[in-house]
Amino acid sequence: MSGCKDHNAPEFVADQFVEAYFQHMDQQAAREFTAFGATEMLDRELELTRGVREQGYLPAEAAAQVNWRRTGRSSRGERVRFDYAIDIRREDTEEHRIADVELAKVQAGWKVVRVAVQQR
């Protein structure tokens, strides 16, 4: 579902993160797009799920039908923030979330540094 093709653009990095984290529910894959607080968040999640994954449970097994779309962009100083609408369907349940994904230039590239998620 990624719409941005410029690999150096913050939109591309944010979309790749959202696809890995929300659509594929793969914290390890999402981690490559993060720095600072977002990396720490994923490290905590990976630690919490380590026991389950050591038993052979893979991110693909947790994955649900997920649709997402970027709904907004704003800038604050050297940071760029993207809003996403995320719809998650599992069997007979449906969740609707809003994700606030903030990026900063780290060394030569954009990285996700903060993620906030709430129900909508």
PDB file of N, CA and C in Angstrom:
ATOM      1  N   MET A   1       0.805  -1.193   0.000  1.00  0.00           N
ATOM      2  CA  MET A   1       0.000   0.000   0.000  1.00  0.00           C
ATOM      3  C   MET A   1       0.853   1.264   0.000  1.00  0.00           C
ATOM      4  N   SER A   2       2.134   1.094   0.039  1.00  0.00           N
ATOM      5  CA  SER A   2       3.045   2.234   0.088  1.00  0.00           C
ATOM      6  C   SER A   2       2.917   3.064  -1.177  1.00  0.00           C
ATOM      7  N   GLY A   3       2.688   4.377  -1.002  1.00  0.00           N
ATOM      8  CA  GLY A   3       2.445   5.231  -2.142  1.00  0.00           C
ATOM      9  C   GLY A   3       3.654   6.023  -2.602  1.00  0.00           C
ATOM     10  N   CYS A   4       4.631   6.229  -1.760  1.00  0.00           N
ATOM     11  CA  CYS A   4       5.777   7.073  -2.081  1.00  0.00           C
ATOM     12  C   CYS A   4       6.917   6.204  -2.618  1.00  0.00           C
ATOM     13  N   LYS A   5       7.489   6.611  -3.746  1.00  0.00           N
ATOM     14  CA  LYS A   5       8.556   5.822  -4.369  1.00  0.00           C
ATOM     15  C   LYS A   5       9.951   6.396  -4.138  1.00  0.00           C
ATOM     16  N   ASP A   6      10.066   7.628  -3.613  1.00  0.00           N
ATOM     17  CA  ASP A   6      11.358   8.235  -3.327  1.00  0.00           C
ATOM     18  C   ASP A   6      11.875   7.671  -2.008  1.00  0.00           C
ATOM     19  N   HIS A   7      12.835   6.763  -2.087  1.00  0.00           N
ATOM     20  CA  HIS A   7      13.333   6.060  -0.909  1.00  0.00           C
ATOM     21  C   HIS A   7      13.988   6.980   0.113  1.00  0.00           C
ATOM     22  N   ASN A   8      14.329   8.203  -0.275  1.00  0.00           N
ATOM     23  CA  ASN A   8      14.931   9.160   0.651  1.00  0.00           C
ATOM     24  C   ASN A   8      13.893  10.055   1.325  1.00  0.00           C
ATOM     25  N   ALA A   9      12.644   9.945   0.925  1.00  0.00           N
ATOM     26  CA  ALA A   9      11.585  10.807   1.461  1.00  0.00           C
ATOM     27  C   ALA A   9      11.077  10.282   2.801  1.00  0.00           C
ATOM     28  N   PRO A  10      10.729  11.182   3.705  1.00  0.00           N
ATOM     29  CA  PRO A  10      10.190  10.724   4.984  1.00  0.00           C
ATOM     30  C   PRO A  10       8.893   9.929   4.817  1.00  0.00           C
ATOM     31  N   GLU A  11       8.107  10.246   3.786  1.00  0.00           N
ATOM     32  CA  GLU A  11       6.870   9.504   3.524  1.00  0.00           C
ATOM     33  C   GLU A  11       7.163   8.034   3.250  1.00  0.00           C
ATOM     34  N   PHE A  12       8.211   7.783   2.478  1.00  0.00           N
ATOM     35  CA  PHE A  12       8.573   6.401   2.151  1.00  0.00           C
ATOM     36  C   PHE A  12       8.936   5.639   3.418  1.00  0.00           C
ATOM     37  N   VAL A  13       9.769   6.241   4.259  1.00  0.00           N
ATOM     38  CA  VAL A  13      10.199   5.575   5.500  1.00  0.00           C
ATOM     39  C   VAL A  13       9.004   5.337   6.412  1.00  0.00           C
ATOM     40  N   ALA A  14       8.146   6.338   6.563  1.00  0.00           N
ATOM     41  CA  ALA A  14       6.961   6.186   7.413  1.00  0.00           C
ATOM     42  C   ALA A  14       6.048   5.086   6.878  1.00  0.00           C
ATOM     43  N   ASP A  15       5.819   5.069   5.571  1.00  0.00           N
ATOM     44  CA  ASP A  15       4.964   4.038   4.984  1.00  0.00           C
ATOM     45  C   ASP A  15       5.555   2.647   5.163  1.00  0.00           C
ATOM     46  N   GLN A  16       6.860   2.515   4.988  1.00  0.00           N
ATOM     47  CA  GLN A  16       7.507   1.213   5.170  1.00  0.00           C
ATOM     48  C   GLN A  16       7.379   0.736   6.617  1.00  0.00           C
ATOM     49  N   PHE A  17       7.552   1.658   7.556  1.00  0.00           N
ATOM     50  CA  PHE A  17       7.384   1.324   8.961  1.00  0.00           C
ATOM     51  C   PHE A  17       5.952   0.859   9.235  1.00  0.00           C
ATOM     52  N   VAL A  18       4.971   1.614   8.765  1.00  0.00           N
ATOM     53  CA  VAL A  18       3.563   1.271   9.002  1.00  0.00           C
ATOM     54  C   VAL A  18       3.230  -0.084   8.388  1.00  0.00           C
ATOM     55  N   GLU A  19       3.729  -0.334   7.208  1.00  0.00           N
ATOM     56  CA  GLU A  19       3.473  -1.620   6.564  1.00  0.00           C
ATOM     57  C   GLU A  19       4.062  -2.772   7.377  1.00  0.00           C
ATOM     58  N   ALA A  20       5.315  -2.633   7.813  1.00  0.00           N
ATOM     59  CA  ALA A  20       5.953  -3.704   8.593  1.00  0.00           C
ATOM     60  C   ALA A  20       5.291  -3.873   9.957  1.00  0.00           C
ATOM     61  N   TYR A  21       5.065  -2.764  10.646  1.00  0.00           N
ATOM     62  CA  TYR A  21       4.590  -2.822  12.033  1.00  0.00           C
ATOM     63  C   TYR A  21       3.102  -3.154  12.137  1.00  0.00           C
ATOM     64  N   PHE A  22       2.271  -2.461  11.393  1.00  0.00           N
ATOM     65  CA  PHE A  22       0.832  -2.657  11.521  1.00  0.00           C
ATOM     66  C   PHE A  22       0.310  -3.753  10.591  1.00  0.00           C
ATOM     67  N   GLN A  23       0.721  -3.723   9.315  1.00  0.00           N
ATOM     68  CA  GLN A  23       0.165  -4.678   8.371  1.00  0.00           C
ATOM     69  C   GLN A  23       0.735  -6.080   8.579  1.00  0.00           C
ATOM     70  N   HIS A  24       2.064  -6.179   8.770  1.00  0.00           N
ATOM     71  CA  HIS A  24       2.692  -7.493   8.913  1.00  0.00           C
ATOM     72  C   HIS A  24       2.943  -7.866  10.373  1.00  0.00           C
ATOM     73  N   MET A  25       2.721  -6.925  11.281  1.00  0.00           N
ATOM     74  CA  MET A  25       2.919  -7.137  12.715  1.00  0.00           C
ATOM     75  C   MET A  25       4.291  -7.735  13.000  1.00  0.00           C
ATOM     76  N   ASP A  26       5.301  -7.162  12.350  1.00  0.00           N
ATOM     77  CA  ASP A  26       6.677  -7.662  12.429  1.00  0.00           C
ATOM     78  C   ASP A  26       7.571  -6.563  13.012  1.00  0.00           C
ATOM     79  N   GLN A  27       7.749  -6.613  14.334  1.00  0.00           N
ATOM     80  CA  GLN A  27       8.543  -5.583  15.006  1.00  0.00           C
ATOM     81  C   GLN A  27       9.986  -5.574  14.525  1.00  0.00           C
ATOM     82  N   GLN A  28      10.537  -6.749  14.250  1.00  0.00           N
ATOM     83  CA  GLN A  28      11.940  -6.813  13.819  1.00  0.00           C
ATOM     84  C   GLN A  28      12.116  -6.104  12.479  1.00  0.00           C
ATOM     85  N   ALA A  29      11.210  -6.343  11.544  1.00  0.00           N
ATOM     86  CA  ALA A  29      11.299  -5.673  10.242  1.00  0.00           C
ATOM     87  C   ALA A  29      11.061  -4.174  10.388  1.00  0.00           C
ATOM     88  N   ALA A  30      10.121  -3.784  11.243  1.00  0.00           N
ATOM     89  CA  ALA A  30       9.822  -2.362  11.455  1.00  0.00           C
ATOM     90  C   ALA A  30      10.998  -1.640  12.096  1.00  0.00           C
ATOM     91  N   ARG A  31      11.772  -2.363  12.897  1.00  0.00           N
ATOM     92  CA  ARG A  31      12.886  -1.766  13.655  1.00  0.00           C
ATOM     93  C   ARG A  31      13.906  -1.084  12.750  1.00  0.00           C
ATOM     94  N   GLU A  32      14.107  -1.595  11.532  1.00  0.00           N
ATOM     95  CA  GLU A  32      15.118  -1.011  10.642  1.00  0.00           C
ATOM     96  C   GLU A  32      14.780   0.417  10.226  1.00  0.00           C
ATOM     97  N   PHE A  33      13.534   0.834  10.415  1.00  0.00           N
ATOM     98  CA  PHE A  33      13.105   2.180  10.032  1.00  0.00           C
ATOM     99  C   PHE A  33      13.057   3.129  11.228  1.00  0.00           C
ATOM    100  N   THR A  34      13.578   2.700  12.389  1.00  0.00           N
ATOM    101  CA  THR A  34      13.422   3.482  13.619  1.00  0.00           C
ATOM    102  C   THR A  34      14.744   3.927  14.229  1.00  0.00           C
ATOM    103  N   ALA A  35      14.620   4.862  15.165  1.00  0.00           N
ATOM    104  CA  ALA A  35      15.736   5.315  16.001  1.00  0.00           C
ATOM    105  C   ALA A  35      15.140   5.800  17.321  1.00  0.00           C
ATOM    106  N   PHE A  36      15.989   5.922  18.309  1.00  0.00           N
ATOM    107  CA  PHE A  36      15.645   6.516  19.604  1.00  0.00           C
ATOM    108  C   PHE A  36      14.425   5.848  20.247  1.00  0.00           C
ATOM    109  N   GLY A  37      13.422   6.618  20.606  1.00  0.00           N
ATOM    110  CA  GLY A  37      12.269   6.114  21.349  1.00  0.00           C
ATOM    111  C   GLY A  37      11.487   5.037  20.622  1.00  0.00           C
ATOM    112  N   ALA A  38      11.377   5.141  19.308  1.00  0.00           N
ATOM    113  CA  ALA A  38      10.649   4.125  18.553  1.00  0.00           C
ATOM    114  C   ALA A  38      11.407   2.792  18.576  1.00  0.00           C
ATOM    115  N   THR A  39      12.725   2.838  18.502  1.00  0.00           N
ATOM    116  CA  THR A  39      13.520   1.608  18.596  1.00  0.00           C
ATOM    117  C   THR A  39      13.354   0.988  19.986  1.00  0.00           C
ATOM    118  N   GLU A  40      13.377   1.817  21.015  1.00  0.00           N
ATOM    119  CA  GLU A  40      13.187   1.316  22.380  1.00  0.00           C
ATOM    120  C   GLU A  40      11.822   0.664  22.541  1.00  0.00           C
ATOM    121  N   MET A  41      10.781   1.259  21.970  1.00  0.00           N
ATOM    122  CA  MET A  41       9.433   0.688  22.021  1.00  0.00           C
ATOM    123  C   MET A  41       9.426  -0.702  21.383  1.00  0.00           C
ATOM    124  N   LEU A  42      10.035  -0.824  20.199  1.00  0.00           N
ATOM    125  CA  LEU A  42      10.062  -2.112  19.515  1.00  0.00           C
ATOM    126  C   LEU A  42      10.908  -3.126  20.265  1.00  0.00           C
ATOM    127  N   ASP A  43      12.021  -2.689  20.840  1.00  0.00           N
ATOM    128  CA  ASP A  43      12.851  -3.611  21.628  1.00  0.00           C
ATOM    129  C   ASP A  43      12.064  -4.178  22.806  1.00  0.00           C
ATOM    130  N   ARG A  44      11.259  -3.333  23.471  1.00  0.00           N
ATOM    131  CA  ARG A  44      10.412  -3.813  24.581  1.00  0.00           C
ATOM    132  C   ARG A  44       9.396  -4.834  24.078  1.00  0.00           C
ATOM    133  N   GLU A  45       8.768  -4.534  22.941  1.00  0.00           N
ATOM    134  CA  GLU A  45       7.791  -5.466  22.377  1.00  0.00           C
ATOM    135  C   GLU A  45       8.450  -6.784  21.977  1.00  0.00           C
ATOM    136  N   LEU A  46       9.619  -6.711  21.376  1.00  0.00           N
ATOM    137  CA  LEU A  46      10.333  -7.935  20.994  1.00  0.00           C
ATOM    138  C   LEU A  46      10.692  -8.760  22.217  1.00  0.00           C
ATOM    139  N   GLU A  47      11.086  -8.091  23.293  1.00  0.00           N
ATOM    140  CA  GLU A  47      11.408  -8.808  24.537  1.00  0.00           C
ATOM    141  C   GLU A  47      10.160  -9.489  25.103  1.00  0.00           C
ATOM    142  N   LEU A  48       9.033  -8.792  25.066  1.00  0.00           N
ATOM    143  CA  LEU A  48       7.783  -9.356  25.584  1.00  0.00           C
ATOM    144  C   LEU A  48       7.308 -10.557  24.768  1.00  0.00           C
ATOM    145  N   THR A  49       7.605 -10.577  23.480  1.00  0.00           N
ATOM    146  CA  THR A  49       7.133 -11.663  22.625  1.00  0.00           C
ATOM    147  C   THR A  49       8.216 -12.722  22.353  1.00  0.00           C
ATOM    148  N   ARG A  50       9.386 -12.541  22.930  1.00  0.00           N
ATOM    149  CA  ARG A  50      10.497 -13.462  22.641  1.00  0.00           C
ATOM    150  C   ARG A  50      10.138 -14.902  22.963  1.00  0.00           C
ATOM    151  N   GLY A  51       9.541 -15.161  24.116  1.00  0.00           N
ATOM    152  CA  GLY A  51       9.190 -16.524  24.513  1.00  0.00           C
ATOM    153  C   GLY A  51       8.248 -17.181  23.527  1.00  0.00           C
ATOM    154  N   VAL A  52       7.256 -16.454  23.074  1.00  0.00           N
ATOM    155  CA  VAL A  52       6.291 -16.986  22.109  1.00  0.00           C
ATOM    156  C   VAL A  52       6.979 -17.270  20.784  1.00  0.00           C
ATOM    157  N   ARG A  53       7.846 -16.374  20.368  1.00  0.00           N
ATOM    158  CA  ARG A  53       8.525 -16.560  19.072  1.00  0.00           C
ATOM    159  C   ARG A  53       9.545 -17.693  19.136  1.00  0.00           C
ATOM    160  N   GLU A  54      10.153 -17.894  20.298  1.00  0.00           N
ATOM    161  CA  GLU A  54      11.094 -19.013  20.428  1.00  0.00           C
ATOM    162  C   GLU A  54      10.383 -20.353  20.280  1.00  0.00           C
ATOM    163  N   GLN A  55       9.090 -20.372  20.543  1.00  0.00           N
ATOM    164  CA  GLN A  55       8.293 -21.596  20.387  1.00  0.00           C
ATOM    165  C   GLN A  55       7.831 -21.786  18.949  1.00  0.00           C
ATOM    166  N   GLY A  56       8.268 -20.890  18.045  1.00  0.00           N
ATOM    167  CA  GLY A  56       7.975 -21.042  16.629  1.00  0.00           C
ATOM    168  C   GLY A  56       6.859 -20.161  16.108  1.00  0.00           C
ATOM    169  N   TYR A  57       6.267 -19.331  16.956  1.00  0.00           N
ATOM    170  CA  TYR A  57       5.186 -18.432  16.527  1.00  0.00           C
ATOM    171  C   TYR A  57       5.796 -17.277  15.742  1.00  0.00           C
ATOM    172  N   LEU A  58       5.332 -17.079  14.520  1.00  0.00           N
ATOM    173  CA  LEU A  58       5.906 -16.074  13.631  1.00  0.00           C
ATOM    174  C   LEU A  58       4.977 -14.873  13.486  1.00  0.00           C
ATOM    175  N   PRO A  59       5.527 -13.706  13.114  1.00  0.00           N
ATOM    176  CA  PRO A  59       4.682 -12.528  12.898  1.00  0.00           C
ATOM    177  C   PRO A  59       3.547 -12.787  11.911  1.00  0.00           C
ATOM    178  N   ALA A  60       3.786 -13.597  10.902  1.00  0.00           N
ATOM    179  CA  ALA A  60       2.748 -13.880   9.906  1.00  0.00           C
ATOM    180  C   ALA A  60       1.520 -14.525  10.538  1.00  0.00           C
ATOM    181  N   GLU A  61       1.725 -15.292  11.612  1.00  0.00           N
ATOM    182  CA  GLU A  61       0.598 -15.924  12.287  1.00  0.00           C
ATOM    183  C   GLU A  61      -0.241 -14.906  13.052  1.00  0.00           C
ATOM    184  N   ALA A  62       0.364 -13.803  13.461  1.00  0.00           N
ATOM    185  CA  ALA A  62      -0.360 -12.763  14.192  1.00  0.00           C
ATOM    186  C   ALA A  62      -1.044 -11.795  13.250  1.00  0.00           C
ATOM    187  N   ALA A  63      -0.601 -11.788  12.012  1.00  0.00           N
ATOM    188  CA  ALA A  63      -1.101 -10.801  11.065  1.00  0.00           C
ATOM    189  C   ALA A  63      -2.598 -10.964  10.831  1.00  0.00           C
ATOM    190  N   ALA A  64      -3.245  -9.843  10.694  1.00  0.00           N
ATOM    191  CA  ALA A  64      -4.666  -9.790  10.406  1.00  0.00           C
ATOM    192  C   ALA A  64      -4.823  -9.105   9.054  1.00  0.00           C
ATOM    193  N   GLN A  65      -6.050  -8.916   8.629  1.00  0.00           N
ATOM    194  CA  GLN A  65      -6.289  -8.128   7.418  1.00  0.00           C
ATOM    195  C   GLN A  65      -6.218  -6.669   7.844  1.00  0.00           C
ATOM    196  N   VAL A  66      -5.202  -5.984   7.362  1.00  0.00           N
ATOM    197  CA  VAL A  66      -4.963  -4.601   7.771  1.00  0.00           C
ATOM    198  C   VAL A  66      -4.937  -3.700   6.547  1.00  0.00           C
ATOM    199  N   ASN A  67      -5.709  -2.639   6.630  1.00  0.00           N
ATOM    200  CA  ASN A  67      -5.682  -1.600   5.599  1.00  0.00           C
ATOM    201  C   ASN A  67      -5.263  -0.309   6.278  1.00  0.00           C
ATOM    202  N   TRP A  68      -4.405   0.444   5.625  1.00  0.00           N
ATOM    203  CA  TRP A  68      -3.956   1.715   6.194  1.00  0.00           C
ATOM    204  C   TRP A  68      -3.851   2.759   5.101  1.00  0.00           C
ATOM    205  N   ARG A  69      -3.971   3.988   5.541  1.00  0.00           N
ATOM    206  CA  ARG A  69      -3.776   5.102   4.604  1.00  0.00           C
ATOM    207  C   ARG A  69      -3.226   6.293   5.372  1.00  0.00           C
ATOM    208  N   ARG A  70      -2.345   6.999   4.718  1.00  0.00           N
ATOM    209  CA  ARG A  70      -1.781   8.218   5.293  1.00  0.00           C
ATOM    210  C   ARG A  70      -2.838   9.307   5.171  1.00  0.00           C
ATOM    211  N   THR A  71      -3.157   9.983   6.283  1.00  0.00           N
ATOM    212  CA  THR A  71      -4.242  10.966   6.268  1.00  0.00           C
ATOM    213  C   THR A  71      -3.770  12.388   6.527  1.00  0.00           C
ATOM    214  N   GLY A  72      -2.530  12.574   6.943  1.00  0.00           N
ATOM    215  CA  GLY A  72      -2.073  13.925   7.207  1.00  0.00           C
ATOM    216  C   GLY A  72      -0.570  14.004   7.342  1.00  0.00           C
ATOM    217  N   ARG A  73      -0.070  15.221   7.205  1.00  0.00           N
ATOM    218  CA  ARG A  73       1.364  15.492   7.352  1.00  0.00           C
ATOM    219  C   ARG A  73       1.507  16.854   8.000  1.00  0.00           C
ATOM    220  N   SER A  74       2.430  16.949   8.947  1.00  0.00           N
ATOM    221  CA  SER A  74       2.751  18.252   9.526  1.00  0.00           C
ATOM    222  C   SER A  74       4.232  18.252   9.884  1.00  0.00           C
ATOM    223  N   SER A  75       4.786  19.441  10.040  1.00  0.00           N
ATOM    224  CA  SER A  75       6.202  19.589  10.389  1.00  0.00           C
ATOM    225  C   SER A  75       6.320  20.381  11.669  1.00  0.00           C
ATOM    226  N   ARG A  76       7.343  20.022  12.432  1.00  0.00           N
ATOM    227  CA  ARG A  76       7.660  20.750  13.662  1.00  0.00           C
ATOM    228  C   ARG A  76       9.178  20.815  13.735  1.00  0.00           C
ATOM    229  N   GLY A  77       9.719  21.974  13.419  1.00  0.00           N
ATOM    230  CA  GLY A  77      11.176  22.104  13.400  1.00  0.00           C
ATOM    231  C   GLY A  77      11.768  21.161  12.370  1.00  0.00           C
ATOM    232  N   GLU A  78      12.693  20.334  12.823  1.00  0.00           N
ATOM    233  CA  GLU A  78      13.376  19.376  11.948  1.00  0.00           C
ATOM    234  C   GLU A  78      12.641  18.039  11.863  1.00  0.00           C
ATOM    235  N   ARG A  79      11.460  17.951  12.446  1.00  0.00           N
ATOM    236  CA  ARG A  79      10.721  16.690  12.458  1.00  0.00           C
ATOM    237  C   ARG A  79       9.498  16.763  11.558  1.00  0.00           C
ATOM    238  N   VAL A  80       9.116  15.597  11.039  1.00  0.00           N
ATOM    239  CA  VAL A  80       7.935  15.475  10.194  1.00  0.00           C
ATOM    240  C   VAL A  80       7.024  14.435  10.826  1.00  0.00           C
ATOM    241  N   ARG A  81       5.746  14.752  10.862  1.00  0.00           N
ATOM    242  CA  ARG A  81       4.769  13.870  11.488  1.00  0.00           C
ATOM    243  C   ARG A  81       3.719  13.456  10.457  1.00  0.00           C
ATOM    244  N   PHE A  82       3.376  12.169  10.452  1.00  0.00           N
ATOM    245  CA  PHE A  82       2.345  11.644   9.567  1.00  0.00           C
ATOM    246  C   PHE A  82       1.264  10.982  10.397  1.00  0.00           C
ATOM    247  N   ASP A  83       0.020  11.218   9.986  1.00  0.00           N
ATOM    248  CA  ASP A  83      -1.115  10.547  10.613  1.00  0.00           C
ATOM    249  C   ASP A  83      -1.564   9.434   9.676  1.00  0.00           C
ATOM    250  N   TYR A  84      -1.976   8.318  10.279  1.00  0.00           N
ATOM    251  CA  TYR A  84      -2.471   7.179   9.517  1.00  0.00           C
ATOM    252  C   TYR A  84      -3.779   6.699  10.121  1.00  0.00           C
ATOM    253  N   ALA A  85      -4.704   6.312   9.241  1.00  0.00           N
ATOM    254  CA  ALA A  85      -5.917   5.607   9.654  1.00  0.00           C
ATOM    255  C   ALA A  85      -5.631   4.128   9.398  1.00  0.00           C
ATOM    256  N   ILE A  86      -5.841   3.314  10.427  1.00  0.00           N
ATOM    257  CA  ILE A  86      -5.521   1.891  10.333  1.00  0.00           C
ATOM    258  C   ILE A  86      -6.761   1.089  10.697  1.00  0.00           C
ATOM    259  N   ASP A  87      -7.168   0.198   9.800  1.00  0.00           N
ATOM    260  CA  ASP A  87      -8.318  -0.675  10.024  1.00  0.00           C
ATOM    261  C   ASP A  87      -7.816  -2.109  10.099  1.00  0.00           C
ATOM    262  N   ILE A  88      -8.158  -2.786  11.194  1.00  0.00           N
ATOM    263  CA  ILE A  88      -7.668  -4.142  11.443  1.00  0.00           C
ATOM    264  C   ILE A  88      -8.867  -5.074  11.569  1.00  0.00           C
ATOM    265  N   ARG A  89      -8.867  -6.145  10.776  1.00  0.00           N
ATOM    266  CA  ARG A  89      -9.940  -7.141  10.841  1.00  0.00           C
ATOM    267  C   ARG A  89      -9.342  -8.502  11.168  1.00  0.00           C
ATOM    268  N   ARG A  90      -9.894  -9.125  12.196  1.00  0.00           N
ATOM    269  CA  ARG A  90      -9.534 -10.496  12.580  1.00  0.00           C
ATOM    270  C   ARG A  90     -10.827 -11.267  12.756  1.00  0.00           C
ATOM    271  N   GLU A  91     -10.972 -12.340  12.061  1.00  0.00           N
ATOM    272  CA  GLU A  91     -12.173 -13.170  12.152  1.00  0.00           C
ATOM    273  C   GLU A  91     -13.421 -12.301  12.260  1.00  0.00           C
ATOM    274  N   ASP A  92     -14.074 -12.238  13.424  1.00  0.00           N
ATOM    275  CA  ASP A  92     -15.292 -11.440  13.511  1.00  0.00           C
ATOM    276  C   ASP A  92     -15.119 -10.167  14.328  1.00  0.00           C
ATOM    277  N   THR A  93     -13.896  -9.667  14.447  1.00  0.00           N
ATOM    278  CA  THR A  93     -13.688  -8.395  15.147  1.00  0.00           C
ATOM    279  C   THR A  93     -13.059  -7.376  14.200  1.00  0.00           C
ATOM    280  N   GLU A  94     -13.310  -6.127  14.489  1.00  0.00           N
ATOM    281  CA  GLU A  94     -12.764  -5.049  13.689  1.00  0.00           C
ATOM    282  C   GLU A  94     -12.296  -3.946  14.630  1.00  0.00           C
ATOM    283  N   GLU A  95     -11.099  -3.421  14.385  1.00  0.00           N
ATOM    284  CA  GLU A  95     -10.562  -2.312  15.168  1.00  0.00           C
ATOM    285  C   GLU A  95     -10.213  -1.176  14.213  1.00  0.00           C
ATOM    286  N   HIS A  96     -10.386   0.038  14.704  1.00  0.00           N
ATOM    287  CA  HIS A  96     -10.024   1.218  13.931  1.00  0.00           C
ATOM    288  C   HIS A  96      -9.107   2.060  14.801  1.00  0.00           C
ATOM    289  N   ARG A  97      -7.926   2.339  14.294  1.00  0.00           N
ATOM    290  CA  ARG A  97      -6.931   3.089  15.058  1.00  0.00           C
ATOM    291  C   ARG A  97      -6.429   4.283  14.263  1.00  0.00           C
ATOM    292  N   ILE A  98      -5.870   5.218  15.006  1.00  0.00           N
ATOM    293  CA  ILE A  98      -5.165   6.349  14.420  1.00  0.00           C
ATOM    294  C   ILE A  98      -3.733   6.266  14.925  1.00  0.00           C
ATOM    295  N   ALA A  99      -2.787   6.308  13.997  1.00  0.00           N
ATOM    296  CA  ALA A  99      -1.375   6.278  14.371  1.00  0.00           C
ATOM    297  C   ALA A  99      -0.733   7.610  14.020  1.00  0.00           C
ATOM    298  N   ASP A 100       0.048   8.102  14.951  1.00  0.00           N
ATOM    299  CA  ASP A 100       0.817   9.335  14.788  1.00  0.00           C
ATOM    300  C   ASP A 100       2.277   8.897  14.732  1.00  0.00           C
ATOM    301  N   VAL A 101       2.903   9.039  13.572  1.00  0.00           N
ATOM    302  CA  VAL A 101       4.263   8.552  13.337  1.00  0.00           C
ATOM    303  C   VAL A 101       5.154   9.761  13.078  1.00  0.00           C
ATOM    304  N   GLU A 102       6.142   9.953  13.953  1.00  0.00           N
ATOM    305  CA  GLU A 102       7.025  11.116  13.832  1.00  0.00           C
ATOM    306  C   GLU A 102       8.421  10.681  13.404  1.00  0.00           C
ATOM    307  N   LEU A 103       8.987  11.414  12.447  1.00  0.00           N
ATOM    308  CA  LEU A 103      10.308  11.106  11.921  1.00  0.00           C
ATOM    309  C   LEU A 103      11.255  12.274  12.125  1.00  0.00           C
ATOM    310  N   ALA A 104      12.534  11.934  12.216  1.00  0.00           N
ATOM    311  CA  ALA A 104      13.592  12.944  12.309  1.00  0.00           C
ATOM    312  C   ALA A 104      14.739  12.480  11.423  1.00  0.00           C
ATOM    313  N   LYS A 105      15.532  13.446  10.951  1.00  0.00           N
ATOM    314  CA  LYS A 105      16.738  13.109  10.192  1.00  0.00           C
ATOM    315  C   LYS A 105      17.765  12.589  11.181  1.00  0.00           C
ATOM    316  N   VAL A 106      18.214  11.368  10.976  1.00  0.00           N
ATOM    317  CA  VAL A 106      19.241  10.762  11.810  1.00  0.00           C
ATOM    318  C   VAL A 106      20.387  10.415  10.881  1.00  0.00           C
ATOM    319  N   GLN A 107      21.537  11.016  11.139  1.00  0.00           N
ATOM    320  CA  GLN A 107      22.676  10.929  10.234  1.00  0.00           C
ATOM    321  C   GLN A 107      22.207  11.380   8.865  1.00  0.00           C
ATOM    322  N   ALA A 108      22.219  10.523   7.857  1.00  0.00           N
ATOM    323  CA  ALA A 108      21.881  10.986   6.507  1.00  0.00           C
ATOM    324  C   ALA A 108      20.466  10.615   6.073  1.00  0.00           C
ATOM    325  N   GLY A 109      19.703   9.962   6.954  1.00  0.00           N
ATOM    326  CA  GLY A 109      18.387   9.505   6.507  1.00  0.00           C
ATOM    327  C   GLY A 109      17.292   9.740   7.525  1.00  0.00           C
ATOM    328  N   TRP A 110      16.055   9.575   7.078  1.00  0.00           N
ATOM    329  CA  TRP A 110      14.895   9.724   7.943  1.00  0.00           C
ATOM    330  C   TRP A 110      14.646   8.445   8.723  1.00  0.00           C
ATOM    331  N   LYS A 111      14.288   8.610  10.003  1.00  0.00           N
ATOM    332  CA  LYS A 111      13.959   7.478  10.866  1.00  0.00           C
ATOM    333  C   LYS A 111      12.717   7.808  11.678  1.00  0.00           C
ATOM    334  N   VAL A 112      11.908   6.800  11.950  1.00  0.00           N
ATOM    335  CA  VAL A 112      10.769   6.955  12.848  1.00  0.00           C
ATOM    336  C   VAL A 112      11.329   7.045  14.261  1.00  0.00           C
ATOM    337  N   VAL A 113      10.993   8.108  14.984  1.00  0.00           N
ATOM    338  CA  VAL A 113      11.521   8.305  16.337  1.00  0.00           C
ATOM    339  C   VAL A 113      10.435   8.240  17.412  1.00  0.00           C
ATOM    340  N   ARG A 114       9.158   8.346  16.985  1.00  0.00           N
ATOM    341  CA  ARG A 114       8.066   8.290  17.961  1.00  0.00           C
ATOM    342  C   ARG A 114       6.821   7.765  17.269  1.00  0.00           C
ATOM    343  N   VAL A 115       6.083   6.913  17.992  1.00  0.00           N
ATOM    344  CA  VAL A 115       4.838   6.358  17.477  1.00  0.00           C
ATOM    345  C   VAL A 115       3.801   6.439  18.588  1.00  0.00           C
ATOM    346  N   ALA A 116       2.642   6.975  18.272  1.00  0.00           N
ATOM    347  CA  ALA A 116       1.532   6.990  19.215  1.00  0.00           C
ATOM    348  C   ALA A 116       0.316   6.411  18.500  1.00  0.00           C
ATOM    349  N   VAL A 117      -0.401   5.542  19.176  1.00  0.00           N
ATOM    350  CA  VAL A 117      -1.555   4.894  18.581  1.00  0.00           C
ATOM    351  C   VAL A 117      -2.736   5.037  19.525  1.00  0.00           C
ATOM    352  N   GLN A 118      -3.893   5.341  18.949  1.00  0.00           N
ATOM    353  CA  GLN A 118      -5.114   5.405  19.759  1.00  0.00           C
ATOM    354  C   GLN A 118      -6.278   4.842  18.956  1.00  0.00           C
ATOM    355  N   GLN A 119      -7.321   4.443  19.659  1.00  0.00           N
ATOM    356  CA  GLN A 119      -8.536   3.969  19.004  1.00  0.00           C
ATOM    357  C   GLN A 119      -9.225   5.175  18.362  1.00  0.00           C
ATOM    358  N   ARG A 120      -9.943   4.937  17.283  1.00  0.00           N
ATOM    359  CA  ARG A 120     -10.738   6.022  16.710  1.00  0.00           C
ATOM    360  C   ARG A 120     -12.175   5.623  16.663  1.00  0.00           C
TER     361      ARG A 120
END
